[in-house]
Amino acid sequence: MAKISRALLSVSDKTGLVPFAQSLLAAGVELISTGGTAKALRDAGLAVQDISAHTGFPEMMDGRVKTLHPKIHGGLLYIRGNAAHEAAAREHGIPPIDLVVVNLYPFEQTVAKPDVALHDAIENIDIGGPSMLRSAAKNHESVTVVVDPADYALVAEQIKTAGDTTLEQRRTLAAKVFARTAAYDGAIAAHLLKEFAGGKHALPGALVVAAPLAQPLRYGENPHQAAALYGKFHEFFQQLHGKELSYNNILDLTAAANLVAEFAADGPTLAILKHTNPCGMGQGATLREAWEKAYATDKQAPFGGIIVVNSPLDGACAEAIAEIFSEVIIAPEFTAEALGVLQKKKNLRLLKILKSPLAARPWDIRSVGADSFLVQERDLRITSAVDLKIVTRRKPSPEEFQAMLFGWRVVKHVKSNAIVYAAADRTLGIGAGQMSRVDSSRIAVWKAGEAKLALHGSVVCSDAFFPFPDGLIAAAEAGATGAIQPGGSVRDAEVIAAADERNMAMVFTGLRHFRH
């Protein structure tokens, strides 16, 4: 078996570089390196040859041209054992390079900075790095390629014991390279599309979905389905307590975080969700009071649900929450008292919100089978009082206005057809995901009745227009005195007339919030 005799190291992230290089030198491997990497190795007292000495060609153009040279790519790409390739390498003085250690310019970190200049983004587009990685990965039958410092220890151990890596390991590392370069190119394309779109959201000409494995999952929605979590989830959430998250937990808790993000600037607010649907939401002077209002909406659905708050979870609220079984509790912070109460439940998962989900990329991506995907802008539109058009003879009272705006933010996160009955600071009845809007309204009214909550004086919130007057009439008969809906039905005039006949105040938003 051939041994690794020459390695090329060129890294932006120098984590673990020096110990790894020391292990290579101890195994008799010659080191070639570029600019900053070579300096770091020399500063550590290690022997290294500059890339320019290896190629006989100087680095130039601010380092833009240094590794794009036949002695580099020829040394990586020629097929060992192929007589013609071996002869060409000898004729042109191209020695083999057996190990490539490269990680790329920090493009993603650069463009994540607020107000990054286009010049800075472009200067952080790596050219030589991906080229070397791809050359080495293509010739992985003979060449070992390392793109992730997490792989240094395993590679070093294999070289120490056998002088080379195994073919199985080289294949794994090569596949990792192509995943990394695909993600890198995807990040560049996404950023430049946004930059060159002149402030408009531009859908990509090709969808590149590449994300690192965040964590394996025991199974998917059901035990017979394999599953894993990919992407930057752990930049947004930190698990503080409890057993590992499930696929369904992650669906629910991200829905919960998206909902509460719309109430980030409000006073203490708490929501309870089940199967991604809100089943109760409340606001109060304290989180304990907000909990009581949210829980009162529906005392059956919250069992095994998700609870989310918009402010640090305190001990008083934690004690109330602890009386029922919940799967996950999410908060921007947990007080010591709250942790003391909740960490007694070993199966309860506690998650801290590190970063608002509103900071994520503005796209939703959904697989629809048939090897196809749907991509759309995320529904981030916020409706305020100035956006509402009063369409009835009676204007909403200040309390009804407040209830409309509160309920409208909630109904946006309920599966369509969605109906929410709301007061100014709480939900009173929620109907989700039915085939007809009237059925959703009936369920919401029934839920309110089960909870012994009066709907008199409430407002009804509909995620899309009432296609017929019957839905609005049913709401009025249930006790609603106001309604908020998008409008836009061919029968709007009939719906408005039905509201006027019942002295209801109704506003149109001009915007619907379907959630399939």
Protein backbone atom coordinates (compact mmCIF):
# COMPACT_ATOMS: atom_id res chain seq x y z
CA MET A 1 0.00 0.00 0.00
CA ALA A 2 1.30 3.49 -0.94
CA LYS A 3 2.03 5.87 1.87
CA ILE A 4 1.12 9.55 2.10
CA SER A 5 4.38 11.40 1.44
CA ARG A 6 3.28 14.95 0.59
CA ALA A 7 0.45 17.12 1.91
CA LEU A 8 -0.84 20.53 0.87
CA LEU A 9 -2.40 22.62 3.64
CA SER A 10 -4.32 25.85 3.00
CA VAL A 11 -6.94 26.77 5.58
CA SER A 12 -8.90 29.83 6.68
CA ASP A 13 -10.09 28.13 9.88
CA LYS A 14 -6.87 27.19 11.67
CA THR A 15 -8.60 25.22 14.43
CA GLY A 16 -6.48 22.15 15.18
CA LEU A 17 -4.05 22.93 12.34
CA VAL A 18 -0.76 22.86 14.24
CA PRO A 19 -1.32 19.55 16.12
CA PHE A 20 -2.48 17.92 12.88
CA ALA A 21 0.56 19.19 10.99
CA GLN A 22 2.82 17.98 13.80
CA SER A 23 1.35 14.48 13.45
CA LEU A 24 1.95 14.57 9.69
CA LEU A 25 5.58 15.58 10.10
CA ALA A 26 6.05 12.85 12.70
CA ALA A 27 4.83 10.36 10.07
CA GLY A 28 7.39 11.65 7.56
CA VAL A 29 4.96 13.66 5.44
CA GLU A 30 6.35 16.69 3.57
CA LEU A 31 4.24 19.84 4.06
CA ILE A 32 3.43 22.42 1.37
CA SER A 33 1.40 25.46 2.31
CA THR A 34 0.12 28.89 1.33
CA GLY A 35 0.47 32.37 2.85
CA GLY A 36 -1.24 32.61 6.22
CA THR A 37 -1.26 28.85 6.78
CA ALA A 38 2.48 28.58 6.11
CA LYS A 39 3.13 31.45 8.54
CA ALA A 40 1.06 29.77 11.26
CA LEU A 41 3.03 26.55 10.82
CA ARG A 42 6.39 28.32 10.83
CA ASP A 43 5.41 30.32 13.90
CA ALA A 44 4.84 26.97 15.59
CA GLY A 45 8.36 25.88 14.58
CA LEU A 46 7.28 23.44 11.87
CA ALA A 47 9.10 22.84 8.59
CA VAL A 48 6.96 23.80 5.58
CA GLN A 49 7.58 24.62 1.91
CA ASP A 50 5.85 27.64 0.38
CA ILE A 51 3.52 26.91 -2.50
CA SER A 52 5.55 29.24 -4.74
CA ALA A 53 8.70 27.20 -4.09
CA HIS A 54 6.82 24.04 -5.04
CA THR A 55 5.37 25.45 -8.26
CA GLY A 56 8.29 27.73 -9.20
CA PHE A 57 5.70 30.45 -9.75
CA PRO A 58 5.10 33.39 -7.38
CA GLU A 59 1.84 34.15 -5.65
CA MET A 60 0.36 37.23 -7.29
CA MET A 61 -2.64 39.54 -7.59
CA ASP A 62 -3.16 39.80 -3.83
CA GLY A 63 -3.05 36.03 -3.53
CA ARG A 64 -5.79 35.45 -6.09
CA VAL A 65 -3.39 33.34 -8.17
CA LYS A 66 -1.30 30.86 -6.21
CA THR A 67 -2.68 27.32 -6.38
CA LEU A 68 -4.15 27.39 -9.90
CA HIS A 69 -1.09 25.70 -11.38
CA PRO A 70 -0.39 22.39 -13.22
CA LYS A 71 2.04 21.29 -10.50
CA ILE A 72 -0.82 21.48 -8.01
CA HIS A 73 -3.70 20.06 -10.01
CA GLY A 74 -1.51 17.64 -11.92
CA GLY A 75 -0.13 16.33 -8.64
CA LEU A 76 -3.67 15.83 -7.39
CA LEU A 77 -5.38 14.51 -10.48
CA TYR A 78 -2.99 12.13 -12.19
CA ILE A 79 -4.08 8.52 -11.84
CA ARG A 80 -1.53 6.52 -9.90
CA GLY A 81 -0.55 3.37 -11.78
CA ASN A 82 -1.70 4.76 -15.13
CA ALA A 83 1.44 4.53 -17.34
CA ALA A 84 0.56 7.54 -19.50
CA HIS A 85 -0.28 9.70 -16.50
CA GLU A 86 2.88 8.62 -14.67
CA ALA A 87 5.00 9.42 -17.73
CA ALA A 88 3.43 12.88 -18.12
CA ALA A 89 4.06 13.63 -14.45
CA ARG A 90 7.72 12.65 -14.77
CA GLU A 91 8.19 14.59 -18.02
CA HIS A 92 6.82 17.80 -16.56
CA GLY A 93 8.29 17.43 -13.10
CA ILE A 94 4.96 17.04 -11.28
CA PRO A 95 5.37 15.26 -7.93
CA PRO A 96 2.31 13.62 -6.37
CA ILE A 97 0.29 15.37 -3.69
CA ASP A 98 -1.33 12.68 -1.56
CA LEU A 99 -3.21 14.71 1.03
CA VAL A 100 -5.07 18.00 0.69
CA VAL A 101 -6.25 19.92 3.75
CA VAL A 102 -8.36 22.91 2.74
CA ASN A 103 -11.22 24.88 4.21
CA LEU A 104 -12.68 27.81 2.38
CA TYR A 105 -12.73 31.57 2.72
CA PRO A 106 -15.46 32.44 5.25
CA PHE A 107 -18.04 33.61 2.71
CA GLU A 108 -21.10 32.63 4.77
CA GLN A 109 -19.77 34.32 7.91
CA THR A 110 -18.91 37.45 5.92
CA VAL A 111 -22.35 37.89 4.35
CA ALA A 112 -24.05 37.15 7.68
CA LYS A 113 -22.70 40.46 8.99
CA PRO A 114 -25.19 43.32 8.85
CA ASP A 115 -24.72 45.72 5.92
CA VAL A 116 -21.80 43.77 4.45
CA ALA A 117 -20.35 45.53 1.40
CA LEU A 118 -20.60 43.76 -1.95
CA HIS A 119 -16.82 44.16 -2.38
CA ASP A 120 -16.16 42.31 0.88
CA ALA A 121 -18.54 39.52 -0.10
CA ILE A 122 -16.86 39.05 -3.47
CA GLU A 123 -13.36 39.08 -1.99
CA ASN A 124 -14.44 36.19 0.23
CA ILE A 125 -15.39 33.99 -2.72
CA ASP A 126 -12.76 31.26 -2.72
CA ILE A 127 -11.53 30.06 -6.12
CA GLY A 128 -8.39 28.02 -5.52
CA GLY A 129 -9.77 26.24 -2.46
CA PRO A 130 -12.80 24.64 -4.13
CA SER A 131 -10.67 23.79 -7.17
CA MET A 132 -8.13 21.88 -5.07
CA LEU A 133 -10.87 20.20 -3.07
CA ARG A 134 -12.69 19.03 -6.18
CA SER A 135 -9.50 17.79 -7.85
CA ALA A 136 -8.51 15.80 -4.78
CA ALA A 137 -12.03 14.46 -4.22
CA LYS A 138 -12.32 13.36 -7.84
CA ASN A 139 -9.10 11.36 -7.48
CA HIS A 140 -10.02 9.94 -4.07
CA GLU A 141 -8.86 6.47 -5.14
CA SER A 142 -5.37 7.79 -4.39
CA VAL A 143 -5.72 11.18 -2.70
CA THR A 144 -7.06 11.97 0.76
CA VAL A 145 -8.93 15.25 1.10
CA VAL A 146 -9.96 16.92 4.36
CA VAL A 147 -12.35 19.89 4.41
CA ASP A 148 -13.47 19.73 8.04
CA PRO A 149 -11.13 20.09 11.06
CA ALA A 150 -13.36 17.58 12.86
CA ASP A 151 -11.78 14.88 10.64
CA TYR A 152 -8.16 15.68 11.53
CA ALA A 153 -7.91 13.22 14.43
CA LEU A 154 -9.18 10.20 12.47
CA VAL A 155 -6.96 10.94 9.46
CA ALA A 156 -3.92 11.50 11.67
CA GLU A 157 -4.51 8.22 13.47
CA GLN A 158 -4.82 6.28 10.19
CA ILE A 159 -1.63 7.82 8.83
CA LYS A 160 0.21 7.11 12.09
CA THR A 161 -0.76 3.44 12.13
CA ALA A 162 -0.82 2.58 8.41
CA GLY A 163 0.86 5.45 6.58
CA ASP A 164 -2.28 6.07 4.53
CA THR A 165 -6.05 6.30 4.85
CA THR A 166 -8.45 3.56 3.89
CA LEU A 167 -10.37 3.71 0.62
CA GLU A 168 -13.61 3.70 2.60
CA GLN A 169 -12.46 6.77 4.53
CA ARG A 170 -11.30 8.55 1.37
CA ARG A 171 -14.68 7.96 -0.21
CA THR A 172 -16.47 9.37 2.84
CA LEU A 173 -14.21 12.44 2.87
CA ALA A 174 -14.62 12.99 -0.88
CA ALA A 175 -18.41 12.94 -0.64
CA LYS A 176 -18.16 15.43 2.24
CA VAL A 177 -16.11 17.73 0.01
CA PHE A 178 -18.70 17.83 -2.74
CA ALA A 179 -21.45 18.50 -0.19
CA ARG A 180 -19.39 21.38 1.21
CA THR A 181 -18.58 22.94 -2.17
CA ALA A 182 -22.23 22.62 -3.23
CA ALA A 183 -23.34 24.43 -0.07
CA TYR A 184 -20.64 27.05 -0.58
CA ASP A 185 -21.67 27.74 -4.17
CA GLY A 186 -25.31 27.79 -3.12
CA ALA A 187 -24.60 30.43 -0.48
CA ILE A 188 -22.74 32.56 -3.02
CA ALA A 189 -25.53 32.24 -5.58
CA ALA A 190 -28.22 33.11 -3.03
CA HIS A 191 -26.36 36.18 -1.79
CA LEU A 192 -25.53 37.52 -5.24
CA LEU A 193 -29.08 36.95 -6.48
CA LYS A 194 -30.32 39.02 -3.56
CA GLU A 195 -27.67 41.70 -4.10
CA PHE A 196 -28.26 42.01 -7.83
CA ALA A 197 -32.07 41.94 -7.55
CA GLY A 198 -32.15 45.60 -6.56
CA GLY A 199 -34.00 45.06 -3.30
CA LYS A 200 -36.56 42.66 -4.80
CA HIS A 201 -36.82 39.07 -3.68
CA ALA A 202 -35.52 36.95 -6.53
CA LEU A 203 -36.35 33.28 -6.74
CA PRO A 204 -33.25 31.28 -7.71
CA GLY A 205 -32.90 29.92 -11.23
CA ALA A 206 -31.89 26.59 -9.65
CA LEU A 207 -32.61 25.38 -6.14
CA VAL A 208 -29.51 24.22 -4.28
CA VAL A 209 -30.36 22.64 -0.94
CA ALA A 210 -27.21 21.82 0.99
CA ALA A 211 -27.14 21.86 4.78
CA PRO A 212 -24.92 20.14 7.34
CA LEU A 213 -26.29 17.40 9.53
CA ALA A 214 -27.42 19.09 12.74
CA GLN A 215 -28.44 15.91 14.55
CA PRO A 216 -29.78 12.44 13.78
CA LEU A 217 -33.33 11.72 14.95
CA ARG A 218 -34.65 8.45 16.29
CA TYR A 219 -37.34 8.43 13.59
CA GLY A 220 -39.63 10.68 11.60
CA GLU A 221 -43.33 11.38 12.03
CA ASN A 222 -43.78 7.66 12.69
CA PRO A 223 -41.36 5.01 14.01
CA HIS A 224 -40.97 3.28 10.63
CA GLN A 225 -39.61 6.47 8.98
CA ALA A 226 -35.90 7.35 9.14
CA ALA A 227 -35.18 11.03 9.81
CA ALA A 228 -32.51 13.60 10.63
CA LEU A 229 -32.28 17.34 11.19
CA TYR A 230 -30.11 19.46 8.89
CA GLY A 231 -29.12 23.11 8.81
CA LYS A 232 -28.55 25.85 11.37
CA PHE A 233 -31.15 24.83 13.94
CA HIS A 234 -28.65 25.06 16.80
CA GLU A 235 -27.87 28.67 15.96
CA PHE A 236 -31.50 29.49 16.77
CA PHE A 237 -32.27 27.12 19.65
CA GLN A 238 -30.33 25.66 22.58
CA GLN A 239 -31.70 22.64 24.43
CA LEU A 240 -31.24 23.09 28.17
CA HIS A 241 -32.94 19.98 29.50
CA GLY A 242 -34.78 16.79 28.61
CA LYS A 243 -34.51 13.88 26.25
CA GLU A 244 -33.59 14.31 22.61
CA LEU A 245 -35.94 16.15 20.29
CA SER A 246 -38.14 14.21 17.91
CA TYR A 247 -39.10 15.05 14.35
CA ASN A 248 -42.57 16.13 15.47
CA ASN A 249 -41.14 18.17 18.36
CA ILE A 250 -39.06 20.15 15.90
CA LEU A 251 -42.02 20.81 13.61
CA ASP A 252 -44.08 22.00 16.57
CA LEU A 253 -41.46 24.09 18.34
CA THR A 254 -40.42 25.97 15.20
CA ALA A 255 -44.08 26.76 14.55
CA ALA A 256 -44.35 27.99 18.14
CA ALA A 257 -41.25 30.18 17.84
CA ASN A 258 -42.53 31.71 14.60
CA LEU A 259 -45.84 32.53 16.27
CA VAL A 260 -44.38 34.15 19.38
CA ALA A 261 -41.87 36.13 17.30
CA GLU A 262 -44.81 38.27 16.13
CA PHE A 263 -45.46 39.21 19.78
CA ALA A 264 -41.83 39.93 20.71
CA ALA A 265 -42.53 43.62 21.39
CA ASP A 266 -45.71 42.93 23.44
CA GLY A 267 -46.06 42.45 27.17
CA PRO A 268 -45.98 38.95 28.70
CA THR A 269 -47.46 36.59 26.10
CA LEU A 270 -47.83 32.81 26.11
CA ALA A 271 -49.04 30.37 23.48
CA ILE A 272 -49.84 26.67 23.57
CA LEU A 273 -49.57 24.69 20.33
CA LYS A 274 -50.45 21.17 19.25
CA HIS A 275 -49.58 19.71 15.85
CA THR A 276 -48.26 23.17 14.82
CA ASN A 277 -51.66 24.79 15.53
CA PRO A 278 -52.21 27.28 18.35
CA CYS A 279 -54.79 25.92 20.76
CA GLY A 280 -54.62 28.86 23.15
CA MET A 281 -52.89 32.19 23.49
CA GLY A 282 -53.01 34.86 26.16
CA GLN A 283 -51.44 38.10 27.37
CA GLY A 284 -51.33 39.52 30.87
CA ALA A 285 -49.46 41.59 33.39
CA THR A 286 -47.41 38.44 34.13
CA LEU A 287 -46.69 35.20 32.31
CA ARG A 288 -48.73 33.37 34.93
CA GLU A 289 -51.75 35.47 33.97
CA ALA A 290 -51.01 34.94 30.26
CA TRP A 291 -50.84 31.17 30.92
CA GLU A 292 -54.21 31.15 32.65
CA LYS A 293 -55.85 32.87 29.68
CA ALA A 294 -54.18 30.63 27.10
CA TYR A 295 -54.90 27.42 28.99
CA ALA A 296 -58.53 28.42 29.56
CA THR A 297 -59.11 28.40 25.78
CA ASP A 298 -58.79 24.63 25.62
CA LYS A 299 -57.85 22.42 28.59
CA GLN A 300 -57.75 19.17 26.61
CA ALA A 301 -55.52 19.90 23.60
CA PRO A 302 -52.49 21.20 25.58
CA PHE A 303 -51.75 17.71 26.97
CA GLY A 304 -48.45 16.75 25.33
CA GLY A 305 -48.24 20.12 23.62
CA ILE A 306 -45.71 22.89 23.12
CA ILE A 307 -45.61 26.02 25.29
CA VAL A 308 -43.81 29.18 24.17
CA VAL A 309 -43.37 32.56 25.85
CA ASN A 310 -41.99 35.89 24.67
CA SER A 311 -40.18 36.87 27.89
CA PRO A 312 -38.07 35.12 30.55
CA LEU A 313 -40.03 32.26 32.08
CA ASP A 314 -40.32 32.77 35.83
CA GLY A 315 -40.96 30.43 38.70
CA ALA A 316 -44.63 31.32 39.18
CA CYS A 317 -45.50 30.52 35.58
CA ALA A 318 -43.32 27.40 35.63
CA GLU A 319 -45.22 26.06 38.64
CA ALA A 320 -48.53 26.47 36.80
CA ILE A 321 -47.22 24.89 33.60
CA ALA A 322 -45.74 21.98 35.54
CA GLU A 323 -49.23 20.84 36.55
CA ILE A 324 -49.86 19.43 33.07
CA PHE A 325 -47.76 17.21 30.79
CA SER A 326 -45.99 19.14 28.04
CA GLU A 327 -43.46 17.96 25.47
CA VAL A 328 -41.48 21.18 25.01
CA ILE A 329 -41.28 24.61 26.66
CA ILE A 330 -39.57 27.42 24.75
CA ALA A 331 -38.45 30.77 26.13
CA PRO A 332 -35.85 33.46 25.48
CA GLU A 333 -34.61 32.83 29.05
CA PHE A 334 -35.47 30.66 32.08
CA THR A 335 -35.00 31.99 35.60
CA ALA A 336 -33.21 29.79 38.13
CA GLU A 337 -36.54 29.26 39.90
CA ALA A 338 -38.21 28.13 36.66
CA LEU A 339 -35.40 25.69 35.90
CA GLY A 340 -35.60 24.34 39.43
CA VAL A 341 -39.28 23.53 38.93
CA LEU A 342 -39.18 22.24 35.36
CA GLN A 343 -35.96 20.21 35.42
CA LYS A 344 -37.57 17.83 37.86
CA LYS A 345 -39.46 16.46 34.84
CA LYS A 346 -36.82 14.37 33.04
CA ASN A 347 -38.83 13.94 29.84
CA LEU A 348 -39.73 17.61 29.46
CA ARG A 349 -37.59 19.39 26.90
CA LEU A 350 -36.58 22.98 27.64
CA LEU A 351 -35.33 25.12 24.77
CA LYS A 352 -33.86 28.58 24.83
CA ILE A 353 -34.41 30.85 21.83
CA LEU A 354 -30.98 32.15 20.83
CA LYS A 355 -32.06 34.07 17.76
CA SER A 356 -35.44 35.11 16.40
CA PRO A 357 -36.68 32.85 13.59
CA LEU A 358 -37.49 36.07 11.74
CA ALA A 359 -33.73 36.35 11.17
CA ALA A 360 -33.74 33.19 9.05
CA ARG A 361 -33.70 33.23 5.27
CA PRO A 362 -36.93 34.65 3.80
CA TRP A 363 -37.88 31.43 1.96
CA ASP A 364 -40.06 28.45 2.71
CA ILE A 365 -39.09 25.22 0.96
CA ARG A 366 -41.38 22.21 0.87
CA SER A 367 -40.93 18.83 -0.74
CA VAL A 368 -43.98 17.77 -2.76
CA GLY A 369 -42.79 14.36 -3.93
CA ALA A 370 -41.99 13.50 -7.55
CA ASP A 371 -38.48 14.86 -6.82
CA SER A 372 -39.95 18.37 -6.79
CA PHE A 373 -39.95 21.29 -4.38
CA LEU A 374 -42.07 24.36 -3.81
CA VAL A 375 -40.30 27.57 -2.84
CA GLN A 376 -42.04 30.71 -1.66
CA GLU A 377 -41.38 33.84 0.33
CA ARG A 378 -42.14 33.35 4.01
CA ASP A 379 -45.35 34.99 5.18
CA LEU A 380 -43.78 37.76 7.24
CA ARG A 381 -46.30 40.51 6.50
CA ILE A 382 -47.46 42.36 9.61
CA THR A 383 -50.89 44.03 9.60
CA SER A 384 -51.37 47.19 11.64
CA ALA A 385 -54.38 49.39 12.34
CA VAL A 386 -53.63 51.67 9.37
CA ASP A 387 -53.97 48.68 7.02
CA LEU A 388 -57.56 47.94 8.07
CA LYS A 389 -60.47 49.08 5.95
CA ILE A 390 -63.75 49.50 7.83
CA VAL A 391 -66.53 48.20 5.55
CA THR A 392 -69.56 48.27 7.85
CA ARG A 393 -71.75 51.13 9.10
CA ARG A 394 -70.53 50.64 12.66
CA LYS A 395 -66.89 51.26 13.40
CA PRO A 396 -65.08 48.88 15.75
CA SER A 397 -64.66 50.06 19.31
CA PRO A 398 -61.08 50.46 20.60
CA GLU A 399 -61.42 47.10 22.37
CA GLU A 400 -62.66 45.42 19.19
CA PHE A 401 -59.79 46.95 17.21
CA GLN A 402 -57.33 45.56 19.72
CA ALA A 403 -58.99 42.13 19.61
CA MET A 404 -58.94 42.16 15.81
CA LEU A 405 -55.21 42.88 15.64
CA PHE A 406 -54.45 40.29 18.34
CA GLY A 407 -56.59 37.59 16.76
CA TRP A 408 -55.32 38.36 13.27
CA ARG A 409 -51.74 37.61 14.34
CA VAL A 410 -52.89 34.30 15.82
CA VAL A 411 -55.09 33.14 12.93
CA LYS A 412 -52.14 33.63 10.57
CA HIS A 413 -50.50 30.63 12.31
CA VAL A 414 -53.55 28.33 12.31
CA LYS A 415 -53.96 25.78 9.52
CA SER A 416 -56.54 26.82 6.94
CA ASN A 417 -59.48 26.94 6.92
CA ALA A 418 -58.81 28.90 10.10
CA ILE A 419 -61.16 30.69 12.48
CA VAL A 420 -60.19 32.34 15.75
CA TYR A 421 -62.55 34.00 18.22
CA ALA A 422 -60.59 36.51 20.26
CA ALA A 423 -60.76 39.16 22.91
CA ALA A 424 -58.19 41.93 23.19
CA ASP A 425 -55.71 39.77 25.10
CA ARG A 426 -56.70 36.13 24.61
CA THR A 427 -58.10 33.51 22.32
CA LEU A 428 -61.58 32.20 23.12
CA GLY A 429 -62.12 29.54 20.48
CA ILE A 430 -59.99 28.16 17.62
CA GLY A 431 -61.08 26.09 14.64
CA ALA A 432 -58.34 24.73 12.37
CA GLY A 433 -57.80 22.88 9.13
CA GLN A 434 -61.36 22.07 8.11
CA MET A 435 -62.66 21.61 4.59
CA SER A 436 -65.18 24.42 5.01
CA ARG A 437 -64.90 27.71 6.86
CA VAL A 438 -68.28 27.17 8.49
CA ASP A 439 -67.03 23.89 9.99
CA SER A 440 -63.96 25.64 11.41
CA SER A 441 -66.25 28.26 12.95
CA ARG A 442 -68.49 25.57 14.44
CA ILE A 443 -65.48 23.84 16.00
CA ALA A 444 -64.21 27.12 17.44
CA VAL A 445 -67.64 27.83 18.95
CA TRP A 446 -67.88 24.28 20.31
CA LYS A 447 -64.39 24.56 21.84
CA ALA A 448 -65.36 27.82 23.53
CA GLY A 449 -68.48 26.17 24.88
CA GLU A 450 -66.50 23.22 26.22
CA ALA A 451 -64.18 25.69 27.96
CA LYS A 452 -67.20 27.63 29.29
CA LEU A 453 -65.95 30.82 27.65
CA ALA A 454 -68.58 33.32 26.52
CA LEU A 455 -68.15 34.63 22.99
CA HIS A 456 -70.41 37.64 23.51
CA GLY A 457 -68.45 40.74 22.55
CA SER A 458 -65.67 38.78 20.87
CA VAL A 459 -64.35 39.28 17.35
CA VAL A 460 -64.11 36.53 14.76
CA CYS A 461 -60.92 36.33 12.71
CA SER A 462 -60.87 34.47 9.40
CA ASP A 463 -57.61 33.74 7.54
CA ALA A 464 -59.37 34.08 4.17
CA PHE A 465 -62.57 35.74 3.03
CA PHE A 466 -66.03 34.53 3.98
CA PRO A 467 -67.29 33.15 0.65
CA PHE A 468 -70.91 33.32 1.80
CA PRO A 469 -72.74 35.20 4.56
CA ASP A 470 -73.41 31.96 6.47
CA GLY A 471 -70.03 31.92 8.20
CA LEU A 472 -70.41 35.48 9.42
CA ILE A 473 -74.02 34.90 10.50
CA ALA A 474 -72.91 31.85 12.52
CA ALA A 475 -70.27 33.99 14.22
CA ALA A 476 -72.83 36.67 15.08
CA GLU A 477 -75.20 34.07 16.48
CA ALA A 478 -72.35 32.78 18.64
CA GLY A 479 -71.93 36.26 20.14
CA ALA A 480 -69.23 37.91 18.02
CA THR A 481 -69.72 41.66 17.58
CA GLY A 482 -66.80 42.23 15.23
CA ALA A 483 -65.03 40.49 12.36
CA ILE A 484 -61.68 40.78 10.60
CA GLN A 485 -61.12 39.10 7.27
CA PRO A 486 -59.24 39.74 4.00
CA GLY A 487 -62.28 40.51 1.86
CA GLY A 488 -62.22 39.86 -1.86
CA SER A 489 -65.18 37.51 -2.29
CA VAL A 490 -67.64 38.07 -5.15
CA ARG A 491 -70.24 38.07 -2.36
CA ASP A 492 -68.53 40.68 -0.19
CA ALA A 493 -71.57 42.95 -0.48
CA GLU A 494 -73.82 40.19 0.89
CA VAL A 495 -71.43 39.50 3.76
CA ILE A 496 -71.20 43.20 4.61
CA ALA A 497 -75.00 43.49 4.51
CA ALA A 498 -75.30 40.52 6.89
CA ALA A 499 -72.88 42.26 9.27
CA ASP A 500 -74.80 45.53 9.10
CA GLU A 501 -78.09 43.75 9.78
CA ARG A 502 -76.57 42.41 13.00
CA ASN A 503 -74.80 45.65 13.95
CA MET A 504 -71.41 43.99 13.64
CA ALA A 505 -68.25 45.96 12.96
CA MET A 506 -66.16 44.41 10.22
CA VAL A 507 -62.80 45.30 8.70
CA PHE A 508 -61.00 44.03 5.61
CA THR A 509 -57.23 43.50 5.64
CA GLY A 510 -56.80 43.04 1.89
CA LEU A 511 -54.40 40.22 2.77
CA ARG A 512 -55.07 36.55 3.36
CA HIS A 513 -53.00 34.09 5.39
CA PHE A 514 -53.64 30.59 3.99
CA ARG A 515 -51.54 28.00 5.81
CA HIS A 516 -51.68 24.56 4.22
